[in-house]
Amino acid sequence: MDEQLRVGLIGAGPWAQLVHAPGLADHPGTRLTTIWARRPEAAAELAHPYGATVARDPDELLSTVDAVAFAVPPEVQAEIAIKAAQQGRHLILEKPIASTVDDAERLAEAVDRSGVASLVVLTRRFAPETEEQLAQLRHTGGWVGGNARWLTGALLGGPFSHSPWRHDRGPLDDVGPHAFDLLDAALGRITDVLAAHRSETGLWQLVFAHEGGATSSASMTMNVPLNPGIAEVSVYGEHGYRALADRDTSAQQCYTNLLDDFVAMVDSGTTTHRCDVHRGLHLQRVIDQARRKAES
C-alpha cells in the first residue's frame, strides 16, 4: 500500500498488550493510531509506548481510523463492530465474533452491505505449517473421523484467568472456535452437533457430523493444571492417521501473517477470505447449537 492503514484498537487487556498492539505498531502496512478501553487508564498505559492517542469513546475512535482491531468480550465487540462496518471501517475481529447468532448475523450483514474487509483472529490458521498440512489433508482425502483436544489451565491462573466472560462462557466460546475451525477445515464443513455435554468441572465433550460423512469429537477444558496446555487435532481414515503438528509459529508471528493478508485485502478491495466474518458466523452457529444440545 502507498500509505499505512490507520488502525484503532478496541480493548487494552492482556491479549491487546501481548499481540494486537505490538503487531499493529510493528507491521509496515499498519499504524496503531488510537486506543479505546472501558478503563481509560489502561488505554493510556497501552497507548504511550506506541505514540497512540486515547479515544474518549468508540465513536471518537471510529472517526479517525481506516480499520479497527478488537480485543474485547464478544458482546462488546459485536455492537461496536457493526457500527464500524456501517461507517466503512475494515475489521480485525476476535473470536467468537459475537455472543449470539443474531448479533453475528447482524455483523456479517453489515460487513457485506458496506463492502469492508474482515478477518477473524483464528490464530493457527495463519501459521504456514497449519495451512500446508490442511492442504495436504484435503488433497489426500479419505478421512472418516477426527479428534480435537484443547486442555488448558487458563482459568486457574495466568493473564486470562481474571476474564469474566471466559469464566462465564467457558472453553466452548474461548477455545472452541479454534478447535471447531480446524476440525471443519480438515474434515469438511460441520453440519450438525450430534452430542454435547458439559461436566460440573467445565469439561466439554462434543461430537460433530461433517459434510461428506465424516464425524469428529472434541474435548475442551480450561480448568486443568497444565502448563503448557495441550492443543491437538488429528484425523484418520483410509490413509491412516495424521496429526496437525504445531511447528511453533508464535501467536505474534501468526498475527503478523494475518496483517499481511488484511493489508493485501484492503489494498486490492478483496472482501472474502477463509477466515472472514462469514467463517466467524459459521463457528458462532456451531457454538450455539452445541450449547443448546448440552442444555436439552
C-alpha atoms as a PDB file:
ATOM      1  CA  MET A   1       0.000   0.000   0.000  1.00  0.00           C
ATOM      2  CA  ASP A   2       1.112   3.568  -0.641  1.00  0.00           C
ATOM      3  CA  GLU A   3       0.032   4.642   2.844  1.00  0.00           C
ATOM      4  CA  GLN A   4      -0.228   2.749   6.108  1.00  0.00           C
ATOM      5  CA  LEU A   5      -3.690   1.844   7.328  1.00  0.00           C
ATOM      6  CA  ARG A   6      -4.675   3.879  10.368  1.00  0.00           C
ATOM      7  CA  VAL A   7      -5.884   1.261  12.844  1.00  0.00           C
ATOM      8  CA  GLY A   8      -7.724   1.838  16.096  1.00  0.00           C
ATOM      9  CA  LEU A   9      -7.632  -0.780  18.852  1.00  0.00           C
ATOM     10  CA  ILE A  10     -10.685  -1.512  21.000  1.00  0.00           C
ATOM     11  CA  GLY A  11      -9.504  -3.024  24.274  1.00  0.00           C
ATOM     12  CA  ALA A  12      -6.378  -2.865  26.418  1.00  0.00           C
ATOM     13  CA  GLY A  13      -6.299  -6.226  28.197  1.00  0.00           C
ATOM     14  CA  PRO A  14      -3.613  -8.937  28.123  1.00  0.00           C
ATOM     15  CA  TRP A  15      -4.259 -10.081  24.525  1.00  0.00           C
ATOM     16  CA  ALA A  16      -4.227  -6.478  23.291  1.00  0.00           C
ATOM     17  CA  GLN A  17      -0.951  -5.931  25.131  1.00  0.00           C
ATOM     18  CA  LEU A  18       0.729  -9.156  24.001  1.00  0.00           C
ATOM     19  CA  VAL A  19      -0.419  -9.416  20.378  1.00  0.00           C
ATOM     20  CA  HIS A  20      -2.629  -6.697  18.904  1.00  0.00           C
ATOM     21  CA  ALA A  21      -0.793  -3.523  19.908  1.00  0.00           C
ATOM     22  CA  PRO A  22       2.790  -4.617  19.130  1.00  0.00           C
ATOM     23  CA  GLY A  23       1.659  -6.351  15.941  1.00  0.00           C
ATOM     24  CA  LEU A  24      -0.175  -3.302  14.613  1.00  0.00           C
ATOM     25  CA  ALA A  25       2.629  -0.943  15.615  1.00  0.00           C
ATOM     26  CA  ASP A  26       5.394  -3.040  14.022  1.00  0.00           C
ATOM     27  CA  HIS A  27       3.719  -4.036  10.753  1.00  0.00           C
ATOM     28  CA  PRO A  28       4.824  -1.951   7.746  1.00  0.00           C
ATOM     29  CA  GLY A  29       1.275  -1.715   6.403  1.00  0.00           C
ATOM     30  CA  THR A  30      -0.474  -0.550   9.569  1.00  0.00           C
ATOM     31  CA  ARG A  31      -0.148   2.260  12.091  1.00  0.00           C
ATOM     32  CA  LEU A  32      -1.639   1.987  15.555  1.00  0.00           C
ATOM     33  CA  THR A  33      -3.149   5.428  15.971  1.00  0.00           C
ATOM     34  CA  THR A  34      -5.860   5.257  18.647  1.00  0.00           C
ATOM     35  CA  ILE A  35      -6.922   3.052  21.562  1.00  0.00           C
ATOM     36  CA  TRP A  36     -10.195   2.918  23.456  1.00  0.00           C
ATOM     37  CA  ALA A  37     -10.892   0.780  26.512  1.00  0.00           C
ATOM     38  CA  ARG A  38     -13.521   0.822  29.206  1.00  0.00           C
ATOM     39  CA  ARG A  39     -10.766   1.799  31.664  1.00  0.00           C
ATOM     40  CA  PRO A  40      -9.145   4.986  30.307  1.00  0.00           C
ATOM     41  CA  GLU A  41      -6.052   4.461  32.457  1.00  0.00           C
ATOM     42  CA  ALA A  42      -5.450   1.050  30.848  1.00  0.00           C
ATOM     43  CA  ALA A  43      -5.844   2.546  27.369  1.00  0.00           C
ATOM     44  CA  ALA A  44      -3.384   5.336  28.230  1.00  0.00           C
ATOM     45  CA  GLU A  45      -0.821   2.895  29.607  1.00  0.00           C
ATOM     46  CA  LEU A  46      -1.007   0.763  26.449  1.00  0.00           C
ATOM     47  CA  ALA A  47      -1.027   3.734  24.059  1.00  0.00           C
ATOM     48  CA  HIS A  48       2.010   5.527  25.483  1.00  0.00           C
ATOM     49  CA  PRO A  49       4.851   3.282  24.165  1.00  0.00           C
ATOM     50  CA  TYR A  50       3.394   3.392  20.650  1.00  0.00           C
ATOM     51  CA  GLY A  51       2.635   7.095  20.474  1.00  0.00           C
ATOM     52  CA  ALA A  52      -1.076   6.345  20.017  1.00  0.00           C
ATOM     53  CA  THR A  53      -3.846   8.600  21.260  1.00  0.00           C
ATOM     54  CA  VAL A  54      -6.608   7.606  23.674  1.00  0.00           C
ATOM     55  CA  ALA A  55     -10.182   7.985  22.464  1.00  0.00           C
ATOM     56  CA  ARG A  56     -12.883   9.157  24.866  1.00  0.00           C
ATOM     57  CA  ASP A  57     -15.375   6.699  23.370  1.00  0.00           C
ATOM     58  CA  PRO A  58     -15.681   4.277  20.438  1.00  0.00           C
ATOM     59  CA  ASP A  59     -17.321   6.921  18.245  1.00  0.00           C
ATOM     60  CA  GLU A  60     -14.284   9.176  18.549  1.00  0.00           C
ATOM     61  CA  LEU A  61     -12.009   6.273  17.634  1.00  0.00           C
ATOM     62  CA  LEU A  62     -14.106   5.369  14.590  1.00  0.00           C
ATOM     63  CA  SER A  63     -13.955   8.934  13.303  1.00  0.00           C
ATOM     64  CA  THR A  64     -10.158   8.872  12.997  1.00  0.00           C
ATOM     65  CA  VAL A  65      -9.245   5.440  11.553  1.00  0.00           C
ATOM     66  CA  ASP A  66      -9.421   3.272   8.439  1.00  0.00           C
ATOM     67  CA  ALA A  67      -9.733  -0.016  10.314  1.00  0.00           C
ATOM     68  CA  VAL A  68     -10.496  -1.341  13.786  1.00  0.00           C
ATOM     69  CA  ALA A  69      -8.963  -4.253  15.700  1.00  0.00           C
ATOM     70  CA  PHE A  70     -10.851  -5.747  18.635  1.00  0.00           C
ATOM     71  CA  ALA A  71      -9.627  -7.316  21.872  1.00  0.00           C
ATOM     72  CA  VAL A  72     -12.787  -7.172  23.997  1.00  0.00           C
ATOM     73  CA  PRO A  73     -15.547  -9.582  25.079  1.00  0.00           C
ATOM     74  CA  PRO A  74     -17.810 -10.746  22.238  1.00  0.00           C
ATOM     75  CA  GLU A  75     -20.891  -8.811  23.361  1.00  0.00           C
ATOM     76  CA  VAL A  76     -18.863  -5.581  23.369  1.00  0.00           C
ATOM     77  CA  GLN A  77     -17.183  -6.367  20.053  1.00  0.00           C
ATOM     78  CA  ALA A  78     -20.382  -7.070  18.099  1.00  0.00           C
ATOM     79  CA  GLU A  79     -22.125  -3.752  18.704  1.00  0.00           C
ATOM     80  CA  ILE A  80     -19.069  -1.596  18.014  1.00  0.00           C
ATOM     81  CA  ALA A  81     -18.042  -3.699  15.008  1.00  0.00           C
ATOM     82  CA  ILE A  82     -21.475  -3.320  13.407  1.00  0.00           C
ATOM     83  CA  LYS A  83     -21.233   0.441  13.753  1.00  0.00           C
ATOM     84  CA  ALA A  84     -17.653   0.386  12.440  1.00  0.00           C
ATOM     85  CA  ALA A  85     -18.648  -1.608   9.352  1.00  0.00           C
ATOM     86  CA  GLN A  86     -21.555   0.735   8.698  1.00  0.00           C
ATOM     87  CA  GLN A  87     -19.051   3.604   8.673  1.00  0.00           C
ATOM     88  CA  GLY A  88     -16.803   1.776   6.183  1.00  0.00           C
ATOM     89  CA  ARG A  89     -14.118   0.684   8.631  1.00  0.00           C
ATOM     90  CA  HIS A  90     -12.314  -2.589   7.943  1.00  0.00           C
ATOM     91  CA  LEU A  91     -12.382  -5.126  10.792  1.00  0.00           C
ATOM     92  CA  ILE A  92      -9.979  -7.410  12.645  1.00  0.00           C
ATOM     93  CA  LEU A  93     -12.309  -9.452  14.848  1.00  0.00           C
ATOM     94  CA  GLU A  94     -11.683 -11.696  17.822  1.00  0.00           C
ATOM     95  CA  LYS A  95     -13.477 -14.989  18.226  1.00  0.00           C
ATOM     96  CA  PRO A  96     -16.273 -15.583  18.855  1.00  0.00           C
ATOM     97  CA  ILE A  97     -17.404 -12.636  16.774  1.00  0.00           C
ATOM     98  CA  ALA A  98     -20.499 -12.067  18.955  1.00  0.00           C
ATOM     99  CA  SER A  99     -22.298 -13.514  21.961  1.00  0.00           C
ATOM    100  CA  THR A 100     -25.369 -14.642  19.985  1.00  0.00           C
ATOM    101  CA  VAL A 101     -26.124 -15.912  16.493  1.00  0.00           C
ATOM    102  CA  ASP A 102     -28.479 -12.974  15.907  1.00  0.00           C
ATOM    103  CA  ASP A 103     -25.708 -10.468  16.625  1.00  0.00           C
ATOM    104  CA  ALA A 104     -23.238 -12.433  14.484  1.00  0.00           C
ATOM    105  CA  GLU A 105     -25.719 -12.369  11.590  1.00  0.00           C
ATOM    106  CA  ARG A 106     -26.214  -8.618  12.012  1.00  0.00           C
ATOM    107  CA  LEU A 107     -22.455  -8.122  11.937  1.00  0.00           C
ATOM    108  CA  ALA A 108     -21.986 -10.252   8.811  1.00  0.00           C
ATOM    109  CA  GLU A 109     -24.808  -8.362   7.095  1.00  0.00           C
ATOM    110  CA  ALA A 110     -23.210  -5.009   7.976  1.00  0.00           C
ATOM    111  CA  VAL A 111     -19.859  -6.161   6.597  1.00  0.00           C
ATOM    112  CA  ASP A 112     -21.448  -7.376   3.353  1.00  0.00           C
ATOM    113  CA  ARG A 113     -23.511  -4.240   2.919  1.00  0.00           C
ATOM    114  CA  SER A 114     -20.531  -1.937   3.425  1.00  0.00           C
ATOM    115  CA  GLY A 115     -18.066  -3.997   1.396  1.00  0.00           C
ATOM    116  CA  VAL A 116     -15.305  -3.808   4.012  1.00  0.00           C
ATOM    117  CA  ALA A 117     -12.557  -6.353   4.636  1.00  0.00           C
ATOM    118  CA  SER A 118     -12.855  -8.571   7.708  1.00  0.00           C
ATOM    119  CA  LEU A 119     -10.626 -11.166   9.337  1.00  0.00           C
ATOM    120  CA  VAL A 120     -11.155 -13.255  12.469  1.00  0.00           C
ATOM    121  CA  VAL A 121      -8.126 -13.991  14.663  1.00  0.00           C
ATOM    122  CA  LEU A 122      -8.171 -17.778  14.329  1.00  0.00           C
ATOM    123  CA  THR A 123      -4.523 -17.829  15.281  1.00  0.00           C
ATOM    124  CA  ARG A 124      -3.321 -21.179  13.996  1.00  0.00           C
ATOM    125  CA  ARG A 125      -4.906 -20.669  10.584  1.00  0.00           C
ATOM    126  CA  PHE A 126      -2.236 -18.028   9.992  1.00  0.00           C
ATOM    127  CA  ALA A 127       0.626 -20.422  10.764  1.00  0.00           C
ATOM    128  CA  PRO A 128       2.158 -21.553   7.440  1.00  0.00           C
ATOM    129  CA  GLU A 129       2.611 -25.136   8.636  1.00  0.00           C
ATOM    130  CA  THR A 130      -1.078 -25.436   9.542  1.00  0.00           C
ATOM    131  CA  GLU A 131      -2.254 -24.307   6.116  1.00  0.00           C
ATOM    132  CA  GLU A 132       0.282 -26.609   4.426  1.00  0.00           C
ATOM    133  CA  GLN A 133      -0.937 -29.595   6.430  1.00  0.00           C
ATOM    134  CA  LEU A 134      -4.606 -28.785   5.826  1.00  0.00           C
ATOM    135  CA  ALA A 135      -3.916 -28.545   2.084  1.00  0.00           C
ATOM    136  CA  GLN A 136      -2.239 -31.955   2.181  1.00  0.00           C
ATOM    137  CA  LEU A 137      -5.188 -33.467   4.041  1.00  0.00           C
ATOM    138  CA  ARG A 138      -7.653 -32.083   1.502  1.00  0.00           C
ATOM    139  CA  HIS A 139      -5.516 -33.348  -1.381  1.00  0.00           C
ATOM    140  CA  THR A 140      -5.195 -36.846   0.112  1.00  0.00           C
ATOM    141  CA  GLY A 141      -8.844 -37.224   1.140  1.00  0.00           C
ATOM    142  CA  GLY A 142     -10.462 -40.341   2.509  1.00  0.00           C
ATOM    143  CA  TRP A 143     -10.646 -39.118   6.115  1.00  0.00           C
ATOM    144  CA  VAL A 144     -13.571 -40.559   8.047  1.00  0.00           C
ATOM    145  CA  GLY A 145     -13.016 -39.185  11.547  1.00  0.00           C
ATOM    146  CA  GLY A 146     -11.060 -36.832  13.712  1.00  0.00           C
ATOM    147  CA  ASN A 147     -10.489 -35.567  17.206  1.00  0.00           C
ATOM    148  CA  ALA A 148      -9.533 -32.312  18.893  1.00  0.00           C
ATOM    149  CA  ARG A 149      -8.194 -31.911  22.429  1.00  0.00           C
ATOM    150  CA  TRP A 150      -7.887 -28.387  23.855  1.00  0.00           C
ATOM    151  CA  LEU A 151      -6.848 -28.728  27.504  1.00  0.00           C
ATOM    152  CA  THR A 152      -5.505 -25.759  29.440  1.00  0.00           C
ATOM    153  CA  GLY A 153      -5.397 -24.181  32.878  1.00  0.00           C
ATOM    154  CA  ALA A 154      -6.140 -20.706  31.548  1.00  0.00           C
ATOM    155  CA  LEU A 155      -8.940 -20.100  34.059  1.00  0.00           C
ATOM    156  CA  LEU A 156      -6.816 -21.250  37.011  1.00  0.00           C
ATOM    157  CA  GLY A 157      -4.031 -18.707  36.646  1.00  0.00           C
ATOM    158  CA  GLY A 158      -2.167 -16.504  34.203  1.00  0.00           C
ATOM    159  CA  PRO A 159      -3.087 -13.386  32.234  1.00  0.00           C
ATOM    160  CA  PHE A 160      -6.573 -14.544  31.189  1.00  0.00           C
ATOM    161  CA  SER A 161      -7.722 -16.050  34.479  1.00  0.00           C
ATOM    162  CA  HIS A 162      -9.433 -12.815  35.598  1.00  0.00           C
ATOM    163  CA  SER A 163     -11.546 -12.513  32.433  1.00  0.00           C
ATOM    164  CA  PRO A 164     -15.233 -12.555  33.480  1.00  0.00           C
ATOM    165  CA  TRP A 165     -16.562 -13.517  30.046  1.00  0.00           C
ATOM    166  CA  ARG A 166     -14.197 -16.501  29.834  1.00  0.00           C
ATOM    167  CA  HIS A 167     -15.357 -17.762  33.228  1.00  0.00           C
ATOM    168  CA  ASP A 168     -18.969 -17.199  32.190  1.00  0.00           C
ATOM    169  CA  ARG A 169     -18.844 -18.677  28.691  1.00  0.00           C
ATOM    170  CA  GLY A 170     -16.019 -21.176  29.252  1.00  0.00           C
ATOM    171  CA  PRO A 171     -13.993 -23.146  26.715  1.00  0.00           C
ATOM    172  CA  LEU A 172     -16.918 -23.536  24.309  1.00  0.00           C
ATOM    173  CA  ASP A 173     -16.683 -19.863  23.350  1.00  0.00           C
ATOM    174  CA  ASP A 174     -13.000 -19.212  24.023  1.00  0.00           C
ATOM    175  CA  VAL A 175     -11.016 -22.167  22.651  1.00  0.00           C
ATOM    176  CA  GLY A 176     -13.956 -23.821  20.891  1.00  0.00           C
ATOM    177  CA  PRO A 177     -13.728 -21.668  17.749  1.00  0.00           C
ATOM    178  CA  HIS A 178     -10.095 -22.726  17.253  1.00  0.00           C
ATOM    179  CA  ALA A 179     -10.873 -26.431  17.659  1.00  0.00           C
ATOM    180  CA  PHE A 180     -14.048 -26.386  15.566  1.00  0.00           C
ATOM    181  CA  ASP A 181     -12.397 -24.365  12.805  1.00  0.00           C
ATOM    182  CA  LEU A 182      -9.535 -26.836  12.430  1.00  0.00           C
ATOM    183  CA  LEU A 183     -11.774 -29.919  12.512  1.00  0.00           C
ATOM    184  CA  ASP A 184     -14.028 -28.236   9.955  1.00  0.00           C
ATOM    185  CA  ALA A 185     -11.107 -27.295   7.704  1.00  0.00           C
ATOM    186  CA  ALA A 186      -9.621 -30.806   7.888  1.00  0.00           C
ATOM    187  CA  LEU A 187     -12.744 -32.951   7.526  1.00  0.00           C
ATOM    188  CA  GLY A 188     -15.341 -30.793   5.773  1.00  0.00           C
ATOM    189  CA  ARG A 189     -17.905 -28.299   6.962  1.00  0.00           C
ATOM    190  CA  ILE A 190     -19.538 -29.140  10.303  1.00  0.00           C
ATOM    191  CA  THR A 191     -23.220 -29.738   9.570  1.00  0.00           C
ATOM    192  CA  ASP A 192     -24.545 -30.932  12.931  1.00  0.00           C
ATOM    193  CA  VAL A 193     -23.702 -31.254  16.616  1.00  0.00           C
ATOM    194  CA  LEU A 194     -24.641 -34.870  17.328  1.00  0.00           C
ATOM    195  CA  ALA A 195     -23.893 -34.725  21.059  1.00  0.00           C
ATOM    196  CA  ALA A 196     -22.676 -32.184  23.600  1.00  0.00           C
ATOM    197  CA  HIS A 197     -22.053 -32.450  27.334  1.00  0.00           C
ATOM    198  CA  ARG A 198     -20.597 -30.061  29.878  1.00  0.00           C
ATOM    199  CA  SER A 199     -19.460 -31.524  33.189  1.00  0.00           C
ATOM    200  CA  GLU A 200     -19.664 -29.770  36.552  1.00  0.00           C
ATOM    201  CA  THR A 201     -15.909 -29.150  36.307  1.00  0.00           C
ATOM    202  CA  GLY A 202     -16.241 -27.337  32.965  1.00  0.00           C
ATOM    203  CA  LEU A 203     -15.118 -30.150  30.683  1.00  0.00           C
ATOM    204  CA  TRP A 204     -16.899 -30.108  27.307  1.00  0.00           C
ATOM    205  CA  GLN A 205     -17.276 -33.269  25.207  1.00  0.00           C
ATOM    206  CA  LEU A 206     -18.770 -32.888  21.724  1.00  0.00           C
ATOM    207  CA  VAL A 207     -19.459 -34.995  18.633  1.00  0.00           C
ATOM    208  CA  PHE A 208     -19.864 -33.447  15.165  1.00  0.00           C
ATOM    209  CA  ALA A 209     -21.139 -34.536  11.765  1.00  0.00           C
ATOM    210  CA  HIS A 210     -19.313 -33.175   8.718  1.00  0.00           C
ATOM    211  CA  GLU A 211     -20.290 -32.575   5.126  1.00  0.00           C
ATOM    212  CA  GLY A 212     -19.203 -35.667   3.209  1.00  0.00           C
ATOM    213  CA  GLY A 213     -19.947 -38.125   6.008  1.00  0.00           C
ATOM    214  CA  ALA A 214     -17.032 -37.806   8.423  1.00  0.00           C
ATOM    215  CA  THR A 215     -17.576 -37.484  12.170  1.00  0.00           C
ATOM    216  CA  SER A 216     -15.338 -35.964  14.822  1.00  0.00           C
ATOM    217  CA  SER A 217     -15.131 -35.331  18.542  1.00  0.00           C
ATOM    218  CA  ALA A 218     -13.729 -32.555  20.699  1.00  0.00           C
ATOM    219  CA  SER A 219     -12.689 -32.429  24.363  1.00  0.00           C
ATOM    220  CA  MET A 220     -12.115 -28.990  25.868  1.00  0.00           C
ATOM    221  CA  THR A 221     -11.403 -27.581  29.291  1.00  0.00           C
ATOM    222  CA  MET A 222      -9.662 -24.550  30.764  1.00  0.00           C
ATOM    223  CA  ASN A 223      -9.617 -25.913  34.312  1.00  0.00           C
ATOM    224  CA  VAL A 224      -6.802 -28.455  34.410  1.00  0.00           C
ATOM    225  CA  PRO A 225      -3.352 -27.539  35.772  1.00  0.00           C
ATOM    226  CA  LEU A 226      -1.379 -27.883  32.549  1.00  0.00           C
ATOM    227  CA  ASN A 227       1.443 -25.551  31.526  1.00  0.00           C
ATOM    228  CA  PRO A 228       1.835 -25.529  28.636  1.00  0.00           C
ATOM    229  CA  GLY A 229      -1.616 -26.678  27.647  1.00  0.00           C
ATOM    230  CA  ILE A 230      -2.474 -29.313  25.063  1.00  0.00           C
ATOM    231  CA  ALA A 231      -3.942 -28.286  21.701  1.00  0.00           C
ATOM    232  CA  GLU A 232      -4.118 -31.214  19.318  1.00  0.00           C
ATOM    233  CA  VAL A 233      -6.111 -32.025  16.188  1.00  0.00           C
ATOM    234  CA  SER A 234      -5.910 -35.364  14.404  1.00  0.00           C
ATOM    235  CA  VAL A 235      -7.720 -37.189  11.589  1.00  0.00           C
ATOM    236  CA  TYR A 236      -7.868 -40.799  10.453  1.00  0.00           C
ATOM    237  CA  GLY A 237      -9.181 -42.779   7.512  1.00  0.00           C
ATOM    238  CA  GLU A 238      -8.161 -44.945   4.589  1.00  0.00           C
ATOM    239  CA  HIS A 239      -4.661 -43.441   4.560  1.00  0.00           C
ATOM    240  CA  GLY A 240      -4.044 -43.976   8.256  1.00  0.00           C
ATOM    241  CA  TYR A 241      -3.669 -41.337  10.953  1.00  0.00           C
ATOM    242  CA  ARG A 242      -2.431 -37.760  10.716  1.00  0.00           C
ATOM    243  CA  ALA A 243      -1.918 -35.150  13.413  1.00  0.00           C
ATOM    244  CA  LEU A 244      -1.681 -31.453  12.716  1.00  0.00           C
ATOM    245  CA  ALA A 245       1.796 -30.790  14.012  1.00  0.00           C
ATOM    246  CA  ASP A 246       2.440 -27.437  15.678  1.00  0.00           C
ATOM    247  CA  ARG A 247       5.843 -26.216  14.493  1.00  0.00           C
ATOM    248  CA  ASP A 248       5.977 -23.363  16.966  1.00  0.00           C
ATOM    249  CA  THR A 249       4.942 -20.395  14.845  1.00  0.00           C
ATOM    250  CA  SER A 250       4.254 -17.925  17.657  1.00  0.00           C
ATOM    251  CA  ALA A 251       0.940 -16.154  18.170  1.00  0.00           C
ATOM    252  CA  GLN A 252       2.737 -12.876  17.430  1.00  0.00           C
ATOM    253  CA  GLN A 253       4.047 -14.177  14.096  1.00  0.00           C
ATOM    254  CA  CYS A 254       0.613 -15.577  13.218  1.00  0.00           C
ATOM    255  CA  TYR A 255      -0.843 -12.133  13.866  1.00  0.00           C
ATOM    256  CA  THR A 256       1.772 -10.561  11.610  1.00  0.00           C
ATOM    257  CA  ASN A 257       0.777 -13.036   8.893  1.00  0.00           C
ATOM    258  CA  LEU A 258      -2.861 -12.089   9.447  1.00  0.00           C
ATOM    259  CA  LEU A 259      -1.958  -8.432   8.986  1.00  0.00           C
ATOM    260  CA  ASP A 260      -0.168  -9.301   5.737  1.00  0.00           C
ATOM    261  CA  ASP A 261      -3.443 -10.759   4.440  1.00  0.00           C
ATOM    262  CA  PHE A 262      -5.520  -7.917   5.877  1.00  0.00           C
ATOM    263  CA  VAL A 263      -3.460  -5.157   4.276  1.00  0.00           C
ATOM    264  CA  ALA A 264      -3.498  -7.026   0.947  1.00  0.00           C
ATOM    265  CA  MET A 265      -7.288  -7.389   1.132  1.00  0.00           C
ATOM    266  CA  VAL A 266      -7.814  -3.688   1.766  1.00  0.00           C
ATOM    267  CA  ASP A 267      -5.346  -2.725  -0.957  1.00  0.00           C
ATOM    268  CA  SER A 268      -6.999  -4.975  -3.560  1.00  0.00           C
ATOM    269  CA  GLY A 269     -10.598  -4.455  -2.484  1.00  0.00           C
ATOM    270  CA  THR A 270     -10.992  -8.138  -1.640  1.00  0.00           C
ATOM    271  CA  THR A 271     -13.658  -8.970   0.946  1.00  0.00           C
ATOM    272  CA  THR A 272     -13.549 -12.781   1.036  1.00  0.00           C
ATOM    273  CA  HIS A 273     -11.045 -14.907   2.961  1.00  0.00           C
ATOM    274  CA  ARG A 274     -11.019 -18.337   4.583  1.00  0.00           C
ATOM    275  CA  CYS A 275     -11.146 -16.547   7.971  1.00  0.00           C
ATOM    276  CA  ASP A 276     -13.511 -13.673   7.200  1.00  0.00           C
ATOM    277  CA  VAL A 277     -16.655 -12.691   9.104  1.00  0.00           C
ATOM    278  CA  HIS A 278     -18.654 -15.492   7.479  1.00  0.00           C
ATOM    279  CA  ARG A 279     -16.252 -18.033   8.950  1.00  0.00           C
ATOM    280  CA  GLY A 280     -16.914 -16.404  12.292  1.00  0.00           C
ATOM    281  CA  LEU A 281     -20.671 -16.645  11.716  1.00  0.00           C
ATOM    282  CA  HIS A 282     -20.422 -20.359  10.886  1.00  0.00           C
ATOM    283  CA  LEU A 283     -18.463 -21.003  14.087  1.00  0.00           C
ATOM    284  CA  GLN A 284     -20.980 -18.943  16.080  1.00  0.00           C
ATOM    285  CA  ARG A 285     -23.749 -21.231  14.847  1.00  0.00           C
ATOM    286  CA  VAL A 286     -21.750 -24.304  15.879  1.00  0.00           C
ATOM    287  CA  ILE A 287     -21.221 -22.826  19.361  1.00  0.00           C
ATOM    288  CA  ASP A 288     -24.919 -22.020  19.690  1.00  0.00           C
ATOM    289  CA  GLN A 289     -26.001 -25.472  18.579  1.00  0.00           C
ATOM    290  CA  ALA A 290     -23.529 -27.131  20.973  1.00  0.00           C
ATOM    291  CA  ARG A 291     -24.772 -25.091  23.939  1.00  0.00           C
ATOM    292  CA  ARG A 292     -28.418 -25.790  23.152  1.00  0.00           C
ATOM    293  CA  LYS A 293     -27.644 -29.513  22.712  1.00  0.00           C
ATOM    294  CA  ALA A 294     -25.869 -29.631  26.103  1.00  0.00           C
ATOM    295  CA  GLU A 295     -28.778 -27.870  27.812  1.00  0.00           C
ATOM    296  CA  SER A 296     -31.508 -30.036  26.296  1.00  0.00           C
END
